[in-house]
Amino acid sequence: MSLLTQSVEYLYAISGPLAFLAYFPQILTLLHNKDGAHSTSLLTWLMWVVSLGINTAYAGLINGDLYFLISSASGFAGSVLVFVIACYKRSRFAQAQSSI
């Protein structure tokens, strides 16, 4: 295996977990949000959840490449976290507004 091939393989292996870390600023923003996360598009994040869920299923069930599975699953986990937190924040905000 050439140095270039090994380098690309290594970079690909760490790209998923690094991408997962990139979700944390959005997650922290949502956790501190007080207005029900209305500036976060649930439809967009749902699209990412579905898309990355399909990628993860493909990686695990069809492709069989562990690095592809890790990369896909990392993105899927990050997008699920953002989506779930945003939905929770919207729900809590709506409950608080209805009790006023």
N, C-alpha and C. Protein backbone atom coordinates (compact mmCIF):
# COMPACT_ATOMS: atom_id res chain seq x y z
N MET A 1 0.86 -1.17 0.00
CA MET A 1 0.00 0.00 0.00
C MET A 1 0.91 1.24 0.00
N SER A 2 0.62 2.17 -0.84
CA SER A 2 1.45 3.37 -0.96
C SER A 2 1.20 4.34 0.20
N LEU A 3 2.12 5.24 0.40
CA LEU A 3 1.98 6.25 1.44
C LEU A 3 0.75 7.11 1.20
N LEU A 4 0.48 7.45 -0.05
CA LEU A 4 -0.70 8.25 -0.38
C LEU A 4 -1.98 7.50 0.00
N THR A 5 -2.04 6.23 -0.36
CA THR A 5 -3.22 5.42 -0.04
C THR A 5 -3.40 5.28 1.46
N GLN A 6 -2.31 5.03 2.16
CA GLN A 6 -2.39 4.92 3.62
C GLN A 6 -2.81 6.24 4.25
N SER A 7 -2.32 7.34 3.73
CA SER A 7 -2.68 8.65 4.26
C SER A 7 -4.16 8.95 4.07
N VAL A 8 -4.67 8.66 2.88
CA VAL A 8 -6.09 8.88 2.60
C VAL A 8 -6.94 7.98 3.49
N GLU A 9 -6.53 6.74 3.67
CA GLU A 9 -7.27 5.82 4.52
C GLU A 9 -7.30 6.32 5.97
N TYR A 10 -6.17 6.78 6.46
CA TYR A 10 -6.10 7.31 7.82
C TYR A 10 -6.98 8.55 7.97
N LEU A 11 -6.85 9.47 7.05
CA LEU A 11 -7.66 10.70 7.12
C LEU A 11 -9.15 10.39 7.05
N TYR A 12 -9.52 9.43 6.21
CA TYR A 12 -10.92 9.04 6.11
C TYR A 12 -11.39 8.43 7.43
N ALA A 13 -10.54 7.63 8.06
CA ALA A 13 -10.91 6.98 9.32
C ALA A 13 -11.19 7.99 10.42
N ILE A 14 -10.45 9.10 10.45
CA ILE A 14 -10.67 10.08 11.51
C ILE A 14 -11.66 11.17 11.12
N SER A 15 -12.04 11.23 9.86
CA SER A 15 -12.95 12.31 9.42
C SER A 15 -14.33 12.21 10.06
N GLY A 16 -14.85 11.01 10.24
CA GLY A 16 -16.17 10.85 10.85
C GLY A 16 -16.21 11.32 12.29
N PRO A 17 -15.30 10.81 13.13
CA PRO A 17 -15.29 11.31 14.51
C PRO A 17 -15.01 12.80 14.62
N LEU A 18 -14.17 13.33 13.76
CA LEU A 18 -13.92 14.78 13.77
C LEU A 18 -15.18 15.55 13.36
N ALA A 19 -15.89 15.02 12.38
CA ALA A 19 -17.14 15.66 11.96
C ALA A 19 -18.15 15.63 13.11
N PHE A 20 -18.17 14.52 13.86
CA PHE A 20 -19.08 14.43 15.01
C PHE A 20 -18.79 15.55 16.01
N LEU A 21 -17.51 15.81 16.25
CA LEU A 21 -17.14 16.89 17.17
C LEU A 21 -17.63 18.25 16.66
N ALA A 22 -17.72 18.39 15.35
CA ALA A 22 -18.17 19.65 14.77
C ALA A 22 -19.65 19.93 15.05
N TYR A 23 -20.39 18.92 15.45
CA TYR A 23 -21.80 19.13 15.81
C TYR A 23 -21.94 19.82 17.16
N PHE A 24 -20.93 19.76 18.01
CA PHE A 24 -21.07 20.26 19.37
C PHE A 24 -21.36 21.75 19.48
N PRO A 25 -20.80 22.63 18.65
CA PRO A 25 -21.23 24.04 18.76
C PRO A 25 -22.74 24.21 18.54
N GLN A 26 -23.30 23.47 17.58
CA GLN A 26 -24.74 23.54 17.34
C GLN A 26 -25.51 22.95 18.53
N ILE A 27 -25.02 21.86 19.07
CA ILE A 27 -25.67 21.23 20.22
C ILE A 27 -25.65 22.17 21.41
N LEU A 28 -24.51 22.78 21.69
CA LEU A 28 -24.42 23.72 22.81
C LEU A 28 -25.31 24.93 22.61
N THR A 29 -25.38 25.43 21.38
CA THR A 29 -26.28 26.55 21.08
C THR A 29 -27.72 26.17 21.37
N LEU A 30 -28.12 24.98 20.96
CA LEU A 30 -29.49 24.53 21.21
C LEU A 30 -29.75 24.35 22.70
N LEU A 31 -28.79 23.79 23.41
CA LEU A 31 -28.98 23.57 24.85
C LEU A 31 -29.16 24.88 25.61
N HIS A 32 -28.53 25.94 25.14
CA HIS A 32 -28.64 27.24 25.81
C HIS A 32 -29.77 28.10 25.26
N ASN A 33 -30.43 27.63 24.24
CA ASN A 33 -31.48 28.39 23.58
C ASN A 33 -32.70 28.54 24.49
N LYS A 34 -33.28 29.73 24.50
CA LYS A 34 -34.44 30.02 25.36
C LYS A 34 -35.73 30.25 24.57
N ASP A 35 -35.65 30.29 23.23
CA ASP A 35 -36.85 30.62 22.45
C ASP A 35 -37.44 29.44 21.69
N GLY A 36 -37.18 28.22 22.17
CA GLY A 36 -37.77 27.06 21.53
C GLY A 36 -37.08 26.62 20.27
N ALA A 37 -35.86 27.05 20.06
CA ALA A 37 -35.05 26.64 18.90
C ALA A 37 -35.77 26.90 17.58
N HIS A 38 -36.49 28.00 17.51
CA HIS A 38 -37.24 28.29 16.29
C HIS A 38 -36.36 28.71 15.11
N SER A 39 -35.11 29.05 15.39
CA SER A 39 -34.21 29.39 14.28
C SER A 39 -33.55 28.14 13.68
N THR A 40 -33.83 26.98 14.25
CA THR A 40 -33.30 25.72 13.75
C THR A 40 -34.37 25.05 12.89
N SER A 41 -34.01 24.72 11.66
CA SER A 41 -34.96 24.09 10.74
C SER A 41 -35.06 22.59 11.04
N LEU A 42 -36.19 22.18 11.60
CA LEU A 42 -36.39 20.75 11.89
C LEU A 42 -36.44 19.93 10.60
N LEU A 43 -37.01 20.48 9.56
CA LEU A 43 -37.08 19.75 8.29
C LEU A 43 -35.69 19.48 7.73
N THR A 44 -34.81 20.47 7.81
CA THR A 44 -33.45 20.28 7.32
C THR A 44 -32.72 19.22 8.14
N TRP A 45 -32.83 19.31 9.46
CA TRP A 45 -32.14 18.33 10.30
C TRP A 45 -32.75 16.94 10.15
N LEU A 46 -34.06 16.85 9.94
CA LEU A 46 -34.68 15.56 9.68
C LEU A 46 -34.15 14.95 8.39
N MET A 47 -33.95 15.81 7.37
CA MET A 47 -33.37 15.32 6.11
C MET A 47 -31.98 14.75 6.36
N TRP A 48 -31.18 15.42 7.18
CA TRP A 48 -29.83 14.91 7.50
C TRP A 48 -29.92 13.59 8.27
N VAL A 49 -30.85 13.48 9.20
CA VAL A 49 -31.02 12.25 9.96
C VAL A 49 -31.35 11.09 9.02
N VAL A 50 -32.31 11.31 8.14
CA VAL A 50 -32.71 10.24 7.20
C VAL A 50 -31.57 9.90 6.26
N SER A 51 -30.95 10.91 5.67
CA SER A 51 -29.87 10.68 4.72
C SER A 51 -28.70 9.94 5.36
N LEU A 52 -28.27 10.40 6.52
CA LEU A 52 -27.13 9.76 7.17
C LEU A 52 -27.52 8.41 7.77
N GLY A 53 -28.78 8.24 8.12
CA GLY A 53 -29.26 6.92 8.55
C GLY A 53 -29.18 5.91 7.41
N ILE A 54 -29.56 6.34 6.22
CA ILE A 54 -29.46 5.46 5.05
C ILE A 54 -27.99 5.15 4.75
N ASN A 55 -27.12 6.17 4.81
CA ASN A 55 -25.68 5.95 4.60
C ASN A 55 -25.14 4.94 5.60
N THR A 56 -25.54 5.07 6.86
CA THR A 56 -25.05 4.17 7.90
C THR A 56 -25.54 2.75 7.65
N ALA A 57 -26.80 2.61 7.29
CA ALA A 57 -27.34 1.28 6.98
C ALA A 57 -26.61 0.67 5.78
N TYR A 58 -26.37 1.47 4.77
CA TYR A 58 -25.64 0.99 3.59
C TYR A 58 -24.23 0.55 3.98
N ALA A 59 -23.57 1.35 4.79
CA ALA A 59 -22.20 1.03 5.21
C ALA A 59 -22.16 -0.27 6.01
N GLY A 60 -23.13 -0.44 6.90
CA GLY A 60 -23.14 -1.62 7.76
C GLY A 60 -23.67 -2.88 7.11
N LEU A 61 -24.67 -2.73 6.26
CA LEU A 61 -25.33 -3.91 5.70
C LEU A 61 -24.84 -4.31 4.31
N ILE A 62 -24.37 -3.37 3.54
CA ILE A 62 -24.03 -3.67 2.15
C ILE A 62 -22.54 -3.49 1.88
N ASN A 63 -22.01 -2.34 2.22
CA ASN A 63 -20.63 -2.02 1.88
C ASN A 63 -19.61 -2.81 2.70
N GLY A 64 -19.82 -2.88 4.00
CA GLY A 64 -18.94 -3.64 4.87
C GLY A 64 -17.62 -2.97 5.20
N ASP A 65 -17.44 -1.72 4.81
CA ASP A 65 -16.20 -1.00 5.09
C ASP A 65 -16.33 -0.35 6.47
N LEU A 66 -15.49 -0.77 7.41
CA LEU A 66 -15.57 -0.27 8.78
C LEU A 66 -15.38 1.24 8.85
N TYR A 67 -14.44 1.78 8.08
CA TYR A 67 -14.20 3.23 8.11
C TYR A 67 -15.42 3.99 7.58
N PHE A 68 -16.05 3.47 6.54
CA PHE A 68 -17.25 4.11 6.01
C PHE A 68 -18.38 4.04 7.04
N LEU A 69 -18.47 2.93 7.74
CA LEU A 69 -19.49 2.77 8.77
C LEU A 69 -19.26 3.76 9.91
N ILE A 70 -18.03 3.90 10.36
CA ILE A 70 -17.71 4.83 11.44
C ILE A 70 -18.01 6.26 11.02
N SER A 71 -17.60 6.61 9.82
CA SER A 71 -17.84 7.96 9.31
C SER A 71 -19.33 8.26 9.21
N SER A 72 -20.07 7.34 8.65
CA SER A 72 -21.52 7.53 8.49
C SER A 72 -22.23 7.57 9.83
N ALA A 73 -21.87 6.64 10.71
CA ALA A 73 -22.53 6.57 12.02
C ALA A 73 -22.23 7.81 12.86
N SER A 74 -21.04 8.37 12.72
CA SER A 74 -20.69 9.58 13.46
C SER A 74 -21.57 10.75 13.03
N GLY A 75 -21.74 10.92 11.74
CA GLY A 75 -22.61 11.98 11.24
C GLY A 75 -24.06 11.75 11.62
N PHE A 76 -24.48 10.50 11.55
CA PHE A 76 -25.85 10.14 11.93
C PHE A 76 -26.10 10.47 13.40
N ALA A 77 -25.17 10.09 14.27
CA ALA A 77 -25.33 10.36 15.70
C ALA A 77 -25.40 11.86 15.98
N GLY A 78 -24.53 12.63 15.33
CA GLY A 78 -24.55 14.07 15.53
C GLY A 78 -25.84 14.71 15.08
N SER A 79 -26.33 14.30 13.92
CA SER A 79 -27.56 14.90 13.40
C SER A 79 -28.77 14.47 14.22
N VAL A 80 -28.77 13.24 14.72
CA VAL A 80 -29.86 12.79 15.59
C VAL A 80 -29.88 13.62 16.87
N LEU A 81 -28.71 13.85 17.45
CA LEU A 81 -28.65 14.66 18.67
C LEU A 81 -29.20 16.06 18.44
N VAL A 82 -28.79 16.70 17.36
CA VAL A 82 -29.28 18.05 17.07
C VAL A 82 -30.80 18.02 16.88
N PHE A 83 -31.30 17.08 16.11
CA PHE A 83 -32.73 16.99 15.83
C PHE A 83 -33.53 16.75 17.11
N VAL A 84 -33.08 15.82 17.93
CA VAL A 84 -33.81 15.48 19.16
C VAL A 84 -33.80 16.66 20.13
N ILE A 85 -32.67 17.31 20.29
CA ILE A 85 -32.60 18.47 21.19
C ILE A 85 -33.50 19.59 20.69
N ALA A 86 -33.49 19.85 19.39
CA ALA A 86 -34.34 20.91 18.84
C ALA A 86 -35.82 20.58 19.04
N CYS A 87 -36.19 19.33 18.82
CA CYS A 87 -37.59 18.93 19.05
C CYS A 87 -37.97 19.08 20.52
N TYR A 88 -37.08 18.68 21.40
CA TYR A 88 -37.32 18.81 22.84
C TYR A 88 -37.49 20.28 23.22
N LYS A 89 -36.61 21.13 22.74
CA LYS A 89 -36.69 22.55 23.04
C LYS A 89 -38.00 23.16 22.53
N ARG A 90 -38.41 22.76 21.33
CA ARG A 90 -39.69 23.27 20.79
C ARG A 90 -40.86 22.83 21.66
N SER A 91 -40.83 21.56 22.06
CA SER A 91 -41.91 21.02 22.87
C SER A 91 -41.99 21.73 24.22
N ARG A 92 -40.84 21.90 24.88
CA ARG A 92 -40.82 22.59 26.17
C ARG A 92 -41.26 24.04 26.05
N PHE A 93 -40.85 24.71 24.97
CA PHE A 93 -41.25 26.09 24.75
C PHE A 93 -42.76 26.19 24.54
N ALA A 94 -43.31 25.28 23.76
CA ALA A 94 -44.75 25.28 23.51
C ALA A 94 -45.52 25.02 24.80
N GLN A 95 -45.04 24.11 25.64
CA GLN A 95 -45.69 23.84 26.91
C GLN A 95 -45.65 25.07 27.83
N ALA A 96 -44.50 25.72 27.84
CA ALA A 96 -44.38 26.92 28.68
C ALA A 96 -45.29 28.05 28.19
N GLN A 97 -45.42 28.18 26.88
CA GLN A 97 -46.29 29.23 26.31
C GLN A 97 -47.76 28.93 26.59
N SER A 98 -48.14 27.66 26.55
CA SER A 98 -49.54 27.33 26.75
C SER A 98 -49.95 27.43 28.22
N SER A 99 -48.98 27.41 29.12
CA SER A 99 -49.33 27.54 30.54
C SER A 99 -49.36 28.99 31.01
N ILE A 100 -49.05 29.91 30.10
CA ILE A 100 -49.08 31.33 30.48
C ILE A 100 -50.48 31.87 30.41
